[in-house]
PDB file of N, CA and C in Angstrom:
ATOM      1  N   MET A   1      39.471 -35.918 -44.643  1.00  0.00           N
ATOM      2  CA  MET A   1      40.113 -36.653 -45.713  1.00  0.00           C
ATOM      3  C   MET A   1      40.071 -38.149 -45.378  1.00  0.00           C
ATOM      4  N   CYS A   2      39.711 -38.954 -46.341  1.00  0.00           N
ATOM      5  CA  CYS A   2      39.657 -40.393 -46.136  1.00  0.00           C
ATOM      6  C   CYS A   2      40.561 -41.049 -47.178  1.00  0.00           C
ATOM      7  N   ARG A   3      41.484 -41.828 -46.704  1.00  0.00           N
ATOM      8  CA  ARG A   3      42.362 -42.518 -47.640  1.00  0.00           C
ATOM      9  C   ARG A   3      42.211 -44.020 -47.465  1.00  0.00           C
ATOM     10  N   THR A   4      42.617 -44.759 -48.469  1.00  0.00           N
ATOM     11  CA  THR A   4      42.519 -46.212 -48.426  1.00  0.00           C
ATOM     12  C   THR A   4      43.918 -46.796 -48.266  1.00  0.00           C
ATOM     13  N   LEU A   5      44.029 -47.721 -47.320  1.00  0.00           N
ATOM     14  CA  LEU A   5      45.288 -48.415 -47.056  1.00  0.00           C
ATOM     15  C   LEU A   5      45.028 -49.908 -47.040  1.00  0.00           C
ATOM     16  N   THR A   6      46.036 -50.660 -47.399  1.00  0.00           N
ATOM     17  CA  THR A   6      45.907 -52.103 -47.209  1.00  0.00           C
ATOM     18  C   THR A   6      46.062 -52.386 -45.720  1.00  0.00           C
ATOM     19  N   VAL A   7      45.579 -53.526 -45.289  1.00  0.00           N
ATOM     20  CA  VAL A   7      45.722 -53.912 -43.887  1.00  0.00           C
ATOM     21  C   VAL A   7      47.202 -53.993 -43.532  1.00  0.00           C
ATOM     22  N   SER A   8      48.028 -54.483 -44.431  1.00  0.00           N
ATOM     23  CA  SER A   8      49.477 -54.570 -44.179  1.00  0.00           C
ATOM     24  C   SER A   8      50.083 -53.187 -43.988  1.00  0.00           C
ATOM     25  N   GLN A   9      49.710 -52.230 -44.848  1.00  0.00           N
ATOM     26  CA  GLN A   9      50.221 -50.862 -44.708  1.00  0.00           C
ATOM     27  C   GLN A   9      49.803 -50.275 -43.364  1.00  0.00           C
ATOM     28  N   ALA A  10      48.548 -50.499 -42.990  1.00  0.00           N
ATOM     29  CA  ALA A  10      48.048 -49.964 -41.730  1.00  0.00           C
ATOM     30  C   ALA A  10      48.786 -50.571 -40.543  1.00  0.00           C
ATOM     31  N   SER A  11      49.073 -51.864 -40.610  1.00  0.00           N
ATOM     32  CA  SER A  11      49.757 -52.511 -39.484  1.00  0.00           C
ATOM     33  C   SER A  11      51.200 -52.009 -39.346  1.00  0.00           C
ATOM     34  N   ARG A  12      51.854 -51.751 -40.475  1.00  0.00           N
ATOM     35  CA  ARG A  12      53.240 -51.262 -40.418  1.00  0.00           C
ATOM     36  C   ARG A  12      53.318 -49.831 -39.898  1.00  0.00           C
ATOM     37  N   ALA A  13      52.282 -49.041 -40.132  1.00  0.00           N
ATOM     38  CA  ALA A  13      52.292 -47.638 -39.728  1.00  0.00           C
ATOM     39  C   ALA A  13      51.114 -47.326 -38.808  1.00  0.00           C
ATOM     40  N   PHE A  14      50.778 -48.283 -37.937  1.00  0.00           N
ATOM     41  CA  PHE A  14      49.588 -48.138 -37.113  1.00  0.00           C
ATOM     42  C   PHE A  14      49.630 -46.897 -36.217  1.00  0.00           C
ATOM     43  N   SER A  15      50.747 -46.667 -35.571  1.00  0.00           N
ATOM     44  CA  SER A  15      50.868 -45.512 -34.681  1.00  0.00           C
ATOM     45  C   SER A  15      50.648 -44.212 -35.458  1.00  0.00           C
ATOM     46  N   ASP A  16      51.259 -44.102 -36.625  1.00  0.00           N
ATOM     47  CA  ASP A  16      51.080 -42.914 -37.464  1.00  0.00           C
ATOM     48  C   ASP A  16      49.619 -42.769 -37.897  1.00  0.00           C
ATOM     49  N   LEU A  17      49.008 -43.882 -38.268  1.00  0.00           N
ATOM     50  CA  LEU A  17      47.604 -43.865 -38.672  1.00  0.00           C
ATOM     51  C   LEU A  17      46.717 -43.348 -37.544  1.00  0.00           C
ATOM     52  N   ILE A  18      46.899 -43.868 -36.347  1.00  0.00           N
ATOM     53  CA  ILE A  18      46.099 -43.443 -35.205  1.00  0.00           C
ATOM     54  C   ILE A  18      46.340 -41.966 -34.894  1.00  0.00           C
ATOM     55  N   ASN A  19      47.583 -41.510 -34.985  1.00  0.00           N
ATOM     56  CA  ASN A  19      47.869 -40.094 -34.746  1.00  0.00           C
ATOM     57  C   ASN A  19      47.180 -39.201 -35.777  1.00  0.00           C
ATOM     58  N   ARG A  20      47.168 -39.610 -37.033  1.00  0.00           N
ATOM     59  CA  ARG A  20      46.479 -38.824 -38.070  1.00  0.00           C
ATOM     60  C   ARG A  20      44.979 -38.760 -37.797  1.00  0.00           C
ATOM     61  N   VAL A  21      44.428 -39.879 -37.355  1.00  0.00           N
ATOM     62  CA  VAL A  21      42.995 -39.912 -37.043  1.00  0.00           C
ATOM     63  C   VAL A  21      42.708 -39.011 -35.849  1.00  0.00           C
ATOM     64  N   ARG A  22      43.506 -39.141 -34.818  1.00  0.00           N
ATOM     65  CA  ARG A  22      43.241 -38.391 -33.580  1.00  0.00           C
ATOM     66  C   ARG A  22      43.506 -36.893 -33.719  1.00  0.00           C
ATOM     67  N   TYR A  23      44.669 -36.534 -34.264  1.00  0.00           N
ATOM     68  CA  TYR A  23      45.073 -35.136 -34.240  1.00  0.00           C
ATOM     69  C   TYR A  23      44.709 -34.355 -35.505  1.00  0.00           C
ATOM     70  N   GLN A  24      44.555 -35.038 -36.619  1.00  0.00           N
ATOM     71  CA  GLN A  24      44.238 -34.331 -37.851  1.00  0.00           C
ATOM     72  C   GLN A  24      42.820 -34.605 -38.342  1.00  0.00           C
ATOM     73  N   GLY A  25      42.094 -35.451 -37.629  1.00  0.00           N
ATOM     74  CA  GLY A  25      40.714 -35.730 -37.990  1.00  0.00           C
ATOM     75  C   GLY A  25      40.557 -36.552 -39.257  1.00  0.00           C
ATOM     76  N   GLU A  26      41.623 -37.198 -39.697  1.00  0.00           N
ATOM     77  CA  GLU A  26      41.549 -38.014 -40.905  1.00  0.00           C
ATOM     78  C   GLU A  26      40.822 -39.322 -40.614  1.00  0.00           C
ATOM     79  N   SER A  27      40.392 -39.969 -41.663  1.00  0.00           N
ATOM     80  CA  SER A  27      39.832 -41.304 -41.534  1.00  0.00           C
ATOM     81  C   SER A  27      40.481 -42.176 -42.599  1.00  0.00           C
ATOM     82  N   ALA A  28      40.372 -43.480 -42.416  1.00  0.00           N
ATOM     83  CA  ALA A  28      41.016 -44.402 -43.354  1.00  0.00           C
ATOM     84  C   ALA A  28      40.147 -45.633 -43.558  1.00  0.00           C
ATOM     85  N   VAL A  29      40.114 -46.094 -44.790  1.00  0.00           N
ATOM     86  CA  VAL A  29      39.459 -47.352 -45.128  1.00  0.00           C
ATOM     87  C   VAL A  29      40.570 -48.389 -45.254  1.00  0.00           C
ATOM     88  N   LEU A  30      40.392 -49.521 -44.590  1.00  0.00           N
ATOM     89  CA  LEU A  30      41.378 -50.600 -44.662  1.00  0.00           C
ATOM     90  C   LEU A  30      40.869 -51.660 -45.622  1.00  0.00           C
ATOM     91  N   ALA A  31      41.738 -52.077 -46.528  1.00  0.00           N
ATOM     92  CA  ALA A  31      41.358 -53.053 -47.542  1.00  0.00           C
ATOM     93  C   ALA A  31      42.195 -54.311 -47.418  1.00  0.00           C
ATOM     94  N   LYS A  32      41.568 -55.438 -47.671  1.00  0.00           N
ATOM     95  CA  LYS A  32      42.255 -56.726 -47.682  1.00  0.00           C
ATOM     96  C   LYS A  32      41.880 -57.403 -48.990  1.00  0.00           C
ATOM     97  N   ASN A  33      42.896 -57.831 -49.726  1.00  0.00           N
ATOM     98  CA  ASN A  33      42.685 -58.436 -51.041  1.00  0.00           C
ATOM     99  C   ASN A  33      41.873 -57.517 -51.951  1.00  0.00           C
ATOM    100  N   GLY A  34      42.132 -56.211 -51.829  1.00  0.00           N
ATOM    101  CA  GLY A  34      41.484 -55.231 -52.693  1.00  0.00           C
ATOM    102  C   GLY A  34      40.062 -54.864 -52.313  1.00  0.00           C
ATOM    103  N   LYS A  35      39.547 -55.429 -51.229  1.00  0.00           N
ATOM    104  CA  LYS A  35      38.169 -55.147 -50.819  1.00  0.00           C
ATOM    105  C   LYS A  35      38.162 -54.417 -49.479  1.00  0.00           C
ATOM    106  N   PRO A  36      37.372 -53.343 -49.352  1.00  0.00           N
ATOM    107  CA  PRO A  36      37.276 -52.633 -48.078  1.00  0.00           C
ATOM    108  C   PRO A  36      36.721 -53.546 -46.990  1.00  0.00           C
ATOM    109  N   VAL A  37      37.371 -53.533 -45.825  1.00  0.00           N
ATOM    110  CA  VAL A  37      36.917 -54.379 -44.721  1.00  0.00           C
ATOM    111  C   VAL A  37      36.647 -53.596 -43.439  1.00  0.00           C
ATOM    112  N   ALA A  38      37.222 -52.401 -43.319  1.00  0.00           N
ATOM    113  CA  ALA A  38      37.036 -51.625 -42.097  1.00  0.00           C
ATOM    114  C   ALA A  38      37.294 -50.155 -42.386  1.00  0.00           C
ATOM    115  N   LYS A  39      36.762 -49.321 -41.501  1.00  0.00           N
ATOM    116  CA  LYS A  39      37.009 -47.888 -41.601  1.00  0.00           C
ATOM    117  C   LYS A  39      37.386 -47.385 -40.220  1.00  0.00           C
ATOM    118  N   ILE A  40      38.433 -46.587 -40.153  1.00  0.00           N
ATOM    119  CA  ILE A  40      38.870 -45.990 -38.901  1.00  0.00           C
ATOM    120  C   ILE A  40      38.536 -44.505 -38.976  1.00  0.00           C
ATOM    121  N   ILE A  41      37.748 -44.042 -38.003  1.00  0.00           N
ATOM    122  CA  ILE A  41      37.347 -42.641 -37.957  1.00  0.00           C
ATOM    123  C   ILE A  41      37.563 -42.107 -36.546  1.00  0.00           C
ATOM    124  N   PRO A  42      37.685 -40.794 -36.411  1.00  0.00           N
ATOM    125  CA  PRO A  42      37.793 -40.228 -35.063  1.00  0.00           C
ATOM    126  C   PRO A  42      36.530 -40.533 -34.265  1.00  0.00           C
ATOM    127  N   VAL A  43      36.684 -40.796 -32.989  1.00  0.00           N
ATOM    128  CA  VAL A  43      35.552 -41.127 -32.130  1.00  0.00           C
ATOM    129  C   VAL A  43      34.549 -39.991 -32.088  1.00  0.00           C
ATOM    130  N   ASP A  44      35.011 -38.774 -32.019  1.00  0.00           N
ATOM    131  CA  ASP A  44      34.105 -37.648 -31.870  1.00  0.00           C
ATOM    132  C   ASP A  44      33.518 -37.179 -33.194  1.00  0.00           C
ATOM    133  N   GLN A  45      33.730 -37.913 -34.248  1.00  0.00           N
ATOM    134  CA  GLN A  45      33.188 -37.539 -35.544  1.00  0.00           C
ATOM    135  C   GLN A  45      31.790 -38.139 -35.676  1.00  0.00           C
ATOM    136  N   ASN A  46      30.808 -37.400 -35.228  1.00  0.00           N
ATOM    137  CA  ASN A  46      29.429 -37.847 -35.323  1.00  0.00           C
ATOM    138  C   ASN A  46      28.750 -37.113 -36.462  1.00  0.00           C
ATOM    139  N   ILE A  47      28.231 -37.851 -37.374  1.00  0.00           N
ATOM    140  CA  ILE A  47      27.535 -37.265 -38.509  1.00  0.00           C
ATOM    141  C   ILE A  47      26.050 -37.303 -38.212  1.00  0.00           C
ATOM    142  N   THR A  48      25.423 -36.166 -38.298  1.00  0.00           N
ATOM    143  CA  THR A  48      23.998 -36.085 -38.013  1.00  0.00           C
ATOM    144  C   THR A  48      23.191 -36.283 -39.286  1.00  0.00           C
ATOM    145  N   GLY A  49      21.919 -36.514 -39.113  1.00  0.00           N
ATOM    146  CA  GLY A  49      21.023 -36.611 -40.262  1.00  0.00           C
ATOM    147  C   GLY A  49      21.032 -35.339 -41.077  1.00  0.00           C
ATOM    148  N   LYS A  50      21.125 -34.200 -40.403  1.00  0.00           N
ATOM    149  CA  LYS A  50      21.175 -32.910 -41.106  1.00  0.00           C
ATOM    150  C   LYS A  50      22.447 -32.820 -41.953  1.00  0.00           C
ATOM    151  N   ASP A  51      23.578 -33.300 -41.395  1.00  0.00           N
ATOM    152  CA  ASP A  51      24.831 -33.320 -42.153  1.00  0.00           C
ATOM    153  C   ASP A  51      24.687 -34.186 -43.398  1.00  0.00           C
ATOM    154  N   LEU A  52      24.086 -35.366 -43.221  1.00  0.00           N
ATOM    155  CA  LEU A  52      23.897 -36.258 -44.357  1.00  0.00           C
ATOM    156  C   LEU A  52      23.005 -35.638 -45.419  1.00  0.00           C
ATOM    157  N   ALA A  53      21.935 -35.022 -44.972  1.00  0.00           N
ATOM    158  CA  ALA A  53      21.006 -34.405 -45.918  1.00  0.00           C
ATOM    159  C   ALA A  53      21.705 -33.334 -46.737  1.00  0.00           C
ATOM    160  N   GLY A  54      22.605 -32.587 -46.111  1.00  0.00           N
ATOM    161  CA  GLY A  54      23.324 -31.543 -46.831  1.00  0.00           C
ATOM    162  C   GLY A  54      24.411 -32.079 -47.732  1.00  0.00           C
ATOM    163  N   SER A  55      24.922 -33.262 -47.400  1.00  0.00           N
ATOM    164  CA  SER A  55      26.032 -33.795 -48.187  1.00  0.00           C
ATOM    165  C   SER A  55      25.596 -34.716 -49.316  1.00  0.00           C
ATOM    166  N   TRP A  56      24.403 -35.260 -49.229  1.00  0.00           N
ATOM    167  CA  TRP A  56      23.897 -36.124 -50.288  1.00  0.00           C
ATOM    168  C   TRP A  56      22.979 -35.320 -51.186  1.00  0.00           C
ATOM    169  N   PRO A  57      23.357 -35.110 -52.434  1.00  0.00           N
ATOM    170  CA  PRO A  57      22.508 -34.325 -53.338  1.00  0.00           C
ATOM    171  C   PRO A  57      21.077 -34.845 -53.406  1.00  0.00           C
ATOM    172  N   SER A  58      20.903 -36.132 -53.314  1.00  0.00           N
ATOM    173  CA  SER A  58      19.552 -36.686 -53.408  1.00  0.00           C
ATOM    174  C   SER A  58      18.711 -36.377 -52.177  1.00  0.00           C
ATOM    175  N   LEU A  59      19.353 -35.935 -51.084  1.00  0.00           N
ATOM    176  CA  LEU A  59      18.612 -35.610 -49.869  1.00  0.00           C
ATOM    177  C   LEU A  59      18.547 -34.111 -49.601  1.00  0.00           C
ATOM    178  N   SER A  60      19.155 -33.309 -50.444  1.00  0.00           N
ATOM    179  CA  SER A  60      19.218 -31.875 -50.181  1.00  0.00           C
ATOM    180  C   SER A  60      17.845 -31.215 -50.213  1.00  0.00           C
ATOM    181  N   HIS A  61      16.857 -31.912 -50.720  1.00  0.00           N
ATOM    182  CA  HIS A  61      15.511 -31.353 -50.766  1.00  0.00           C
ATOM    183  C   HIS A  61      14.791 -31.447 -49.430  1.00  0.00           C
ATOM    184  N   LEU A  62      15.382 -32.098 -48.457  1.00  0.00           N
ATOM    185  CA  LEU A  62      14.726 -32.248 -47.166  1.00  0.00           C
ATOM    186  C   LEU A  62      14.621 -30.908 -46.441  1.00  0.00           C
ATOM    187  N   THR A  63      13.488 -30.709 -45.810  1.00  0.00           N
ATOM    188  CA  THR A  63      13.333 -29.527 -44.963  1.00  0.00           C
ATOM    189  C   THR A  63      14.088 -29.765 -43.666  1.00  0.00           C
ATOM    190  N   ALA A  64      14.216 -28.727 -42.855  1.00  0.00           N
ATOM    191  CA  ALA A  64      14.904 -28.876 -41.572  1.00  0.00           C
ATOM    192  C   ALA A  64      14.189 -29.914 -40.708  1.00  0.00           C
ATOM    193  N   GLU A  65      12.865 -29.904 -40.718  1.00  0.00           N
ATOM    194  CA  GLU A  65      12.095 -30.879 -39.932  1.00  0.00           C
ATOM    195  C   GLU A  65      12.324 -32.298 -40.440  1.00  0.00           C
ATOM    196  N   GLU A  66      12.324 -32.487 -41.754  1.00  0.00           N
ATOM    197  CA  GLU A  66      12.551 -33.819 -42.328  1.00  0.00           C
ATOM    198  C   GLU A  66      13.963 -34.306 -42.009  1.00  0.00           C
ATOM    199  N   ALA A  67      14.944 -33.396 -42.084  1.00  0.00           N
ATOM    200  CA  ALA A  67      16.323 -33.767 -41.758  1.00  0.00           C
ATOM    201  C   ALA A  67      16.424 -34.175 -40.289  1.00  0.00           C
ATOM    202  N   HIS A  68      15.706 -33.458 -39.423  1.00  0.00           N
ATOM    203  CA  HIS A  68      15.710 -33.806 -38.002  1.00  0.00           C
ATOM    204  C   HIS A  68      15.081 -35.181 -37.782  1.00  0.00           C
ATOM    205  N   ARG A  69      13.974 -35.463 -38.445  1.00  0.00           N
ATOM    206  CA  ARG A  69      13.341 -36.780 -38.316  1.00  0.00           C
ATOM    207  C   ARG A  69      14.267 -37.879 -38.849  1.00  0.00           C
ATOM    208  N   PHE A  70      14.952 -37.580 -39.955  1.00  0.00           N
ATOM    209  CA  PHE A  70      15.894 -38.533 -40.527  1.00  0.00           C
ATOM    210  C   PHE A  70      17.012 -38.822 -39.527  1.00  0.00           C
ATOM    211  N   GLU A  71      17.515 -37.773 -38.880  1.00  0.00           N
ATOM    212  CA  GLU A  71      18.563 -37.933 -37.876  1.00  0.00           C
ATOM    213  C   GLU A  71      18.062 -38.791 -36.715  1.00  0.00           C
ATOM    214  N   THR A  72      16.844 -38.556 -36.280  1.00  0.00           N
ATOM    215  CA  THR A  72      16.247 -39.342 -35.200  1.00  0.00           C
ATOM    216  C   THR A  72      16.111 -40.800 -35.616  1.00  0.00           C
ATOM    217  N   ASP A  73      15.651 -41.030 -36.842  1.00  0.00           N
ATOM    218  CA  ASP A  73      15.515 -42.397 -37.345  1.00  0.00           C
ATOM    219  C   ASP A  73      16.870 -43.107 -37.375  1.00  0.00           C
ATOM    220  N   LEU A  74      17.918 -42.405 -37.832  1.00  0.00           N
ATOM    221  CA  LEU A  74      19.254 -42.999 -37.865  1.00  0.00           C
ATOM    222  C   LEU A  74      19.722 -43.362 -36.460  1.00  0.00           C
ATOM    223  N   SER A  75      19.495 -42.475 -35.527  1.00  0.00           N
ATOM    224  CA  SER A  75      19.902 -42.723 -34.147  1.00  0.00           C
ATOM    225  C   SER A  75      19.182 -43.941 -33.572  1.00  0.00           C
ATOM    226  N   GLU A  76      17.884 -44.032 -33.824  1.00  0.00           N
ATOM    227  CA  GLU A  76      17.117 -45.175 -33.343  1.00  0.00           C
ATOM    228  C   GLU A  76      17.580 -46.471 -34.006  1.00  0.00           C
ATOM    229  N   ALA A  77      17.889 -46.392 -35.297  1.00  0.00           N
ATOM    230  CA  ALA A  77      18.360 -47.579 -36.013  1.00  0.00           C
ATOM    231  C   ALA A  77      19.701 -48.045 -35.460  1.00  0.00           C
ATOM    232  N   ARG A  78      20.608 -47.088 -35.167  1.00  0.00           N
ATOM    233  CA  ARG A  78      21.902 -47.451 -34.589  1.00  0.00           C
ATOM    234  C   ARG A  78      21.722 -48.118 -33.229  1.00  0.00           C
ATOM    235  N   SER A  79      20.784 -47.586 -32.432  1.00  0.00           N
ATOM    236  CA  SER A  79      20.538 -48.145 -31.100  1.00  0.00           C
ATOM    237  C   SER A  79      19.976 -49.558 -31.176  1.00  0.00           C
ATOM    238  N   ALA A  80      19.248 -49.851 -32.238  1.00  0.00           N
ATOM    239  CA  ALA A  80      18.619 -51.161 -32.383  1.00  0.00           C
ATOM    240  C   ALA A  80      19.596 -52.237 -32.860  1.00  0.00           C
ATOM    241  N   LEU A  81      20.752 -51.815 -33.355  1.00  0.00           N
ATOM    242  CA  LEU A  81      21.728 -52.793 -33.836  1.00  0.00           C
ATOM    243  C   LEU A  81      22.247 -53.620 -32.667  1.00  0.00           C
ATOM    244  N   PRO A  82      22.462 -54.901 -32.899  1.00  0.00           N
ATOM    245  CA  PRO A  82      23.011 -55.717 -31.808  1.00  0.00           C
ATOM    246  C   PRO A  82      24.439 -55.278 -31.505  1.00  0.00           C
ATOM    247  N   SER A  83      24.790 -55.332 -30.231  1.00  0.00           N
ATOM    248  CA  SER A  83      26.152 -54.961 -29.873  1.00  0.00           C
ATOM    249  C   SER A  83      27.100 -56.062 -30.340  1.00  0.00           C
ATOM    250  N   VAL A  84      28.262 -55.652 -30.739  1.00  0.00           N
ATOM    251  CA  VAL A  84      29.265 -56.588 -31.230  1.00  0.00           C
ATOM    252  C   VAL A  84      30.267 -56.842 -30.116  1.00  0.00           C
ATOM    253  N   LYS A  85      30.448 -58.100 -29.790  1.00  0.00           N
ATOM    254  CA  LYS A  85      31.405 -58.445 -28.747  1.00  0.00           C
ATOM    255  C   LYS A  85      32.813 -58.227 -29.268  1.00  0.00           C
ATOM    256  N   ASP A  86      33.620 -57.568 -28.465  1.00  0.00           N
ATOM    257  CA  ASP A  86      35.007 -57.297 -28.822  1.00  0.00           C
ATOM    258  C   ASP A  86      35.819 -58.572 -28.649  1.00  0.00           C
ATOM    259  N   LYS A  87      36.276 -59.138 -29.764  1.00  0.00           N
ATOM    260  CA  LYS A  87      37.000 -60.404 -29.676  1.00  0.00           C
ATOM    261  C   LYS A  87      38.379 -60.254 -29.039  1.00  0.00           C
ATOM    262  N   TRP A  88      38.831 -59.027 -28.811  1.00  0.00           N
ATOM    263  CA  TRP A  88      40.139 -58.813 -28.208  1.00  0.00           C
ATOM    264  C   TRP A  88      40.076 -58.798 -26.688  1.00  0.00           C
ATOM    265  N   GLU A  89      38.868 -58.764 -26.138  1.00  0.00           N
ATOM    266  CA  GLU A  89      38.752 -58.747 -24.671  1.00  0.00           C
ATOM    267  C   GLU A  89      38.976 -60.126 -24.091  1.00  0.00           C
TER     268      GLU A  89
END
């Protein structure tokens, strides 16, 4: 389940939000001024290319091999992204 919260709502109930993410597997989109700015998801929630192919109607035509290649491509694309420095460190 994914719900949308304002950044203010999330900050007031941050502990509850984190507990829902960790223990109930929920995710949340955080919005500021009505626009989505971040998404909080469980760390162990890894979506594979095969999962995406099954969940997107436009990709359901992919064979198992094509879904596997798509998953590999996604993984390689994620690895190629520049790392983001944590400004809180």
